[in-house]
Amino acid sequence: MLHVTALDAIGLAGVLAMLIAYALTVAGRLDPLRPPALLMNLFGSLAVLLSLTAAFNLSAAVIETAWALIALIGLGRWLVMAR
């Protein structure tokens, strides 16, 4: 039987957020340079990173950290351009 912990559920929610953002971007329904997509990716990567506190995986931690930093840079750039 599959046992899903709270951290598993948080990580899965993060994966879902990133997949939805990617699918909507590919479908042309979401601009990857605007806050909704950037926030979905930031939330997703941070949620996966949080889930890794239960079962650490270095390669997953590296990619999710990079994903979060890229989203933060994109949000910062958007804020500067919006002024």
Protein backbone atom coordinates (compact mmCIF):
# COMPACT_ATOMS: atom_id res chain seq x y z
CA MET A 1 0.00 0.00 0.00
CA LEU A 2 1.22 3.49 -0.88
CA HIS A 3 1.79 5.78 2.09
CA VAL A 4 1.75 9.48 1.15
CA THR A 5 3.07 11.84 3.80
CA ALA A 6 2.30 15.54 4.09
CA LEU A 7 5.71 16.32 2.60
CA ASP A 8 4.97 13.96 -0.30
CA ALA A 9 1.71 15.82 -0.93
CA ILE A 10 3.50 19.18 -0.83
CA GLY A 11 6.09 17.92 -3.30
CA LEU A 12 3.41 16.53 -5.61
CA ALA A 13 1.55 19.86 -5.50
CA GLY A 14 4.80 21.55 -6.51
CA VAL A 15 5.34 19.16 -9.40
CA LEU A 16 1.75 19.74 -10.52
CA ALA A 17 2.21 23.53 -10.41
CA MET A 18 5.34 23.33 -12.56
CA LEU A 19 3.75 20.93 -15.04
CA ILE A 20 0.65 23.10 -15.39
CA ALA A 21 2.81 26.20 -15.91
CA TYR A 22 4.83 24.39 -18.58
CA ALA A 23 1.77 22.96 -20.34
CA LEU A 24 0.02 26.34 -20.41
CA THR A 25 3.18 28.00 -21.71
CA VAL A 26 3.58 25.45 -24.51
CA ALA A 27 -0.12 25.86 -25.35
CA GLY A 28 0.39 29.61 -25.65
CA ARG A 29 -2.00 30.34 -22.78
CA LEU A 30 0.59 31.59 -20.27
CA ASP A 31 3.44 34.05 -20.80
CA PRO A 32 6.58 32.52 -19.22
CA LEU A 33 7.99 35.99 -18.51
CA ARG A 34 5.02 37.22 -16.47
CA PRO A 35 4.37 36.73 -12.74
CA PRO A 36 1.72 33.97 -12.94
CA ALA A 37 4.08 31.54 -14.67
CA LEU A 38 7.09 32.65 -12.64
CA LEU A 39 5.19 32.30 -9.35
CA MET A 40 3.88 28.86 -10.29
CA ASN A 41 7.42 27.74 -11.03
CA LEU A 42 8.79 29.33 -7.85
CA PHE A 43 6.08 27.74 -5.70
CA GLY A 44 6.60 24.40 -7.42
CA SER A 45 10.34 24.32 -6.97
CA LEU A 46 10.16 25.42 -3.34
CA ALA A 47 7.50 22.80 -2.61
CA VAL A 48 9.65 20.05 -4.12
CA LEU A 49 12.66 21.32 -2.16
CA LEU A 50 10.59 21.18 1.03
CA SER A 51 9.57 17.60 0.24
CA LEU A 52 13.24 16.69 -0.13
CA THR A 53 13.78 17.34 3.57
CA ALA A 54 12.21 13.93 4.19
CA ALA A 55 14.20 12.02 1.57
CA PHE A 56 17.12 14.06 0.26
CA ASN A 57 18.25 13.65 -3.33
CA LEU A 58 21.17 15.83 -4.42
CA SER A 59 20.33 16.00 -8.12
CA ALA A 60 16.70 16.92 -7.38
CA ALA A 61 17.86 19.56 -4.88
CA VAL A 62 20.23 21.10 -7.44
CA ILE A 63 17.63 21.32 -10.23
CA GLU A 64 14.92 22.69 -7.93
CA THR A 65 17.29 25.28 -6.44
CA ALA A 66 18.24 26.41 -9.95
CA TRP A 67 14.55 26.47 -10.95
CA ALA A 68 13.70 28.66 -7.94
CA LEU A 69 16.60 31.04 -8.61
CA ILE A 70 15.61 31.39 -12.27
CA ALA A 71 12.02 32.17 -11.26
CA LEU A 72 13.24 34.74 -8.72
CA ILE A 73 15.47 36.39 -11.32
CA GLY A 74 12.54 36.50 -13.73
CA LEU A 75 10.31 38.08 -11.08
CA GLY A 76 12.99 40.64 -10.25
CA ARG A 77 13.41 41.48 -13.91
CA TRP A 78 9.65 41.84 -14.32
CA LEU A 79 9.51 44.20 -11.33
CA VAL A 80 12.27 46.39 -12.77
CA MET A 81 10.66 46.46 -16.22
CA ALA A 82 7.22 47.25 -14.75
CA ARG A 83 8.47 50.51 -13.26
